[in-house]
Amino acid sequence: MSNGSHVLELATVTANGTLESARSAQLRVIVAASTTSVGAQPLTDGERITTLDGVQLDASLVARDLADIVDVAVASDGRFLVAQRDGRVTILNGSDEAVSANVASDDGRLLALALAPDFARSGHVYVIQAQQAIFRLLRHRLLDGQLVERMAVLPDVPASADPSALLRFGPDGKLYAAFDDGGNRASAARLFEWSGKILRLNPDGTTPDDQPAASPVMWSNIGSPGGLDWPREGRALWVAETGVDGVERLRALFSGGERPRRVGQRSAYVLPPPVDATSLAFYRGEQVRELRDDLFITARKGSYLLRVRFDPTDSSRVASTEKLLEGRLGEPRAVAASADGALFVATRNNVWRLTPVSNQR
């Protein structure tokens, strides 16, 4: 079966080819091809890689020898911030020496990081920590290379024994926080608890006035979040998550312009194992037509970067997938896209910049 999206129907057929039973409901499957073989050589600084459709990407190592990276965020001024599990945030701009700041005065583990839309002016950096079976959503201000003015944005949320959480700002300027179910499936279904939910918040932690029932809950029944982002047109929130049923899926959540703001699922796809998604990002650049609005997912268990392409006539329909750099990155942890068309891919200890070759269409 070729790489891409296929529709299967099951039926019983006799030996002479006669259809013996009615066809089943359509089953959509996605076949992912690999661009490298198992045991491939590690990616090298300055190497050029080529996708299945001929897109060339130059790989450069922009940060190395960091400790246990969990997230990365790109600022509009070209700086990028790398969050490490021990609470350190390393700030780099690609040329000057890196500066590290600490977000925690305790033993909490850092899990997620997001920059405020007005980061260039306010310096506000949002993080999620996990400590003693709770999540803490905090805001800091980056000032002179230090993270200061720590403020709690949300009351503590129960965390599971292996905590996972996500944090991103949406195109509407709201803060989206996703938390695992705290080890309790029932909590993920209860709308008055924040465990196993995606929350939509004002930057100060209050509930937006267009949220139904004055609740910040946007989506529920999440076992473990694995990534969230919006394409450039911004109408859909794409979420990678492991549900309470243990199945890892990619979901497209849409909302209209009505008040209160209702959210529905447009489509859902089971991700091709092994994945264990930890981050996802849509390509932001305009330079390379073949990459426009493609989605990239870090597959920690599979040790590859999954490229997801969509049907040009239906942006909610996955057309094909491709495994990039399989076995060559180590353990990919986070991916972020910059407005200039680059992808930043973080592994456990390093950050790579993948830049499309400029002479492509």
Foldseek 3Di string as FASTA:
>chain_A
DDAWKDKDWDFDADPVGHTDGDIDPIDIDGDAAEPDDAPDAADDAQDWDAFPVGWIWGKHFQFFQAAFWFEKDADQVQWIWTAHQQQKIWIDRRPDDIFIEGDDPDRWTWHEKEAQPVCVPFQKIWTWTDDPQKIWIWIFHQDPRYTDDIDTQDPIAGAAPPWHKYWYQAPVRWIKIATAQNPDQVSQVDQVHRHQFIFTAHPSNAADPQAPPRGRGQDTQFHHWQEWYAAPVRFWIWTWTQGPVRFTKIWTWGWDPDGSIHIDTPDMDGDPPPFSWRYKEQFQEDQAPVRHRWMWTFRQVQQWIKTWDADPVDRRHTTGIYTHCGNRHHGWNYWYYHNNGWIWIDGRTTIMIIHTDRPHD
